[in-house]
Amino acid sequence: IVTSSASTPQEALEDLQSEAKKLQGWLPEPQAGSPVTTLLVCPSVEEWRDFENFDAFREEILLSGEVLTEEFQCKIVCFHPRQQASNIYGLNVGDEILVDVPGTGELAGTVLEILGVEMKPP
């Protein structure tokens, strides 16, 4: 967990880029296959107190989390304290998902609910 001192969205983006660089191997190498992630907390970006401003930044500047994928192979997953659950990742009820769990193999599941829309298990 890293707390950013950024006070503007541009400074926060610079911090995201800096953290992405670290995840690309400028720190000691992680164990092969182990996930590496950073939670960057930005409590001082006044503009983001309004969720609409934060969401516009996420969508337009961060390209819905894809802005660093080409250069750093990193996906940005955004959270906001006033954000309600949303389908910003393109999942649909009934989608099957597969997650690689280091040391144990793959974990499979089915999306059962998004934004209060429930699907009964088969």
Protein backbone atom coordinates (compact mmCIF):
# COMPACT_ATOMS: atom_id res chain seq x y z
CA ILE A 1 0.00 0.00 0.00
CA VAL A 2 1.41 3.35 -1.11
CA THR A 3 -0.07 6.69 -0.08
CA SER A 4 0.34 9.28 -2.80
CA SER A 5 1.02 12.91 -1.93
CA ALA A 6 -0.58 13.97 -5.22
CA SER A 7 -2.97 16.89 -5.04
CA THR A 8 -3.96 16.86 -8.73
CA PRO A 9 -5.07 14.12 -11.11
CA GLN A 10 -1.91 14.68 -13.20
CA GLU A 11 0.31 14.12 -10.16
CA ALA A 12 -1.66 10.96 -9.32
CA LEU A 13 -1.13 9.71 -12.88
CA GLU A 14 2.61 10.31 -12.49
CA ASP A 15 2.55 8.29 -9.26
CA LEU A 16 0.67 5.48 -11.04
CA GLN A 17 3.32 5.46 -13.76
CA SER A 18 6.09 5.38 -11.14
CA GLU A 19 4.48 2.41 -9.37
CA ALA A 20 3.99 0.63 -12.71
CA LYS A 21 7.72 1.01 -13.42
CA LYS A 22 8.51 -0.60 -10.08
CA LEU A 23 6.25 -3.53 -10.92
CA GLN A 24 8.19 -4.03 -14.15
CA GLY A 25 11.33 -5.23 -12.44
CA TRP A 26 13.11 -2.19 -11.08
CA LEU A 27 12.61 -3.76 -7.69
CA PRO A 28 13.86 -7.22 -6.66
CA GLU A 29 12.27 -9.91 -8.78
CA PRO A 30 9.17 -11.58 -7.32
CA GLN A 31 8.87 -15.34 -7.22
CA ALA A 32 7.91 -16.72 -10.61
CA GLY A 33 4.16 -16.81 -11.04
CA SER A 34 3.35 -14.79 -7.95
CA PRO A 35 1.06 -11.78 -8.41
CA VAL A 36 2.55 -8.36 -7.82
CA THR A 37 0.30 -5.40 -7.18
CA THR A 38 0.31 -1.98 -5.59
CA LEU A 39 -2.59 -0.22 -3.94
CA LEU A 40 -2.03 3.50 -4.53
CA VAL A 41 -4.17 5.63 -2.21
CA CYS A 42 -4.70 9.25 -3.29
CA PRO A 43 -6.43 11.02 -0.37
CA SER A 44 -5.36 14.57 -1.29
CA VAL A 45 -6.78 14.98 -4.80
CA GLU A 46 -9.50 17.46 -3.89
CA GLU A 47 -11.09 17.26 -7.34
CA TRP A 48 -11.86 13.58 -6.75
CA ARG A 49 -14.05 14.21 -3.73
CA ASP A 50 -16.77 14.49 -6.39
CA PHE A 51 -17.22 10.97 -7.76
CA GLU A 52 -18.19 12.27 -11.20
CA ASN A 53 -14.75 13.92 -11.57
CA PHE A 54 -13.01 10.74 -10.44
CA ASP A 55 -15.07 8.60 -12.81
CA ALA A 56 -14.35 10.94 -15.74
CA PHE A 57 -10.60 10.64 -14.99
CA ARG A 58 -10.90 6.86 -14.79
CA GLU A 59 -12.70 6.67 -18.11
CA GLU A 60 -11.05 9.43 -20.16
CA ILE A 61 -7.46 9.60 -18.84
CA LEU A 62 -6.94 6.08 -17.49
CA LEU A 63 -8.89 4.65 -20.46
CA SER A 64 -10.97 2.54 -18.08
CA GLY A 65 -7.77 1.15 -16.54
CA GLU A 66 -5.97 0.31 -19.79
CA VAL A 67 -3.66 3.36 -20.11
CA LEU A 68 -0.57 1.53 -18.82
CA THR A 69 -1.11 -1.85 -20.45
CA GLU A 70 1.02 -1.28 -23.55
CA GLU A 71 4.01 0.35 -21.86
CA PHE A 72 4.01 -1.48 -18.52
CA GLN A 73 1.64 -4.46 -18.98
CA CYS A 74 -0.31 -3.14 -15.96
CA LYS A 75 -4.06 -2.83 -15.53
CA ILE A 76 -5.39 -0.12 -13.21
CA VAL A 77 -8.37 -1.07 -11.07
CA CYS A 78 -9.99 2.02 -9.59
CA PHE A 79 -11.89 2.34 -6.33
CA HIS A 80 -13.64 5.38 -4.88
CA PRO A 81 -15.28 5.58 -1.44
CA ARG A 82 -18.51 6.92 -2.97
CA GLN A 83 -18.55 4.44 -5.83
CA GLN A 84 -21.33 1.94 -5.91
CA ALA A 85 -20.75 -1.44 -7.45
CA SER A 86 -20.60 -1.06 -11.20
CA ASN A 87 -19.81 -3.12 -14.23
CA ILE A 88 -16.71 -1.21 -15.38
CA TYR A 89 -14.89 -4.43 -16.30
CA GLY A 90 -17.30 -5.69 -18.96
CA LEU A 91 -18.50 -8.72 -17.02
CA ASN A 92 -21.99 -10.06 -17.51
CA VAL A 93 -24.14 -12.32 -15.38
CA GLY A 94 -23.35 -15.88 -16.40
CA ASP A 95 -19.78 -15.17 -17.55
CA GLU A 96 -17.31 -17.82 -16.53
CA ILE A 97 -14.06 -16.50 -15.11
CA LEU A 98 -10.73 -18.20 -14.50
CA VAL A 99 -8.06 -16.96 -12.09
CA ASP A 100 -4.57 -18.41 -11.82
CA VAL A 101 -3.77 -19.02 -8.15
CA PRO A 102 -0.02 -19.53 -7.71
CA GLY A 103 0.83 -22.81 -6.04
CA THR A 104 -2.70 -24.19 -6.30
CA GLY A 105 -3.63 -23.96 -9.98
CA GLU A 106 -6.67 -22.29 -11.42
CA LEU A 107 -9.83 -21.15 -9.67
CA ALA A 108 -12.98 -21.06 -11.79
CA GLY A 109 -16.24 -19.32 -11.12
CA THR A 110 -19.40 -17.87 -12.64
CA VAL A 111 -20.60 -14.27 -12.29
CA LEU A 112 -23.88 -14.50 -10.37
CA GLU A 113 -24.71 -10.86 -9.69
CA ILE A 114 -23.92 -7.40 -11.05
CA LEU A 115 -25.65 -4.22 -9.84
CA GLY A 116 -28.30 -6.17 -8.01
CA VAL A 117 -29.25 -8.40 -10.99
CA GLU A 118 -29.19 -11.92 -9.65
CA MET A 119 -28.79 -15.16 -11.51
CA LYS A 120 -29.74 -18.38 -9.83
CA PRO A 121 -27.01 -21.03 -9.89
CA PRO A 122 -27.65 -23.91 -12.35
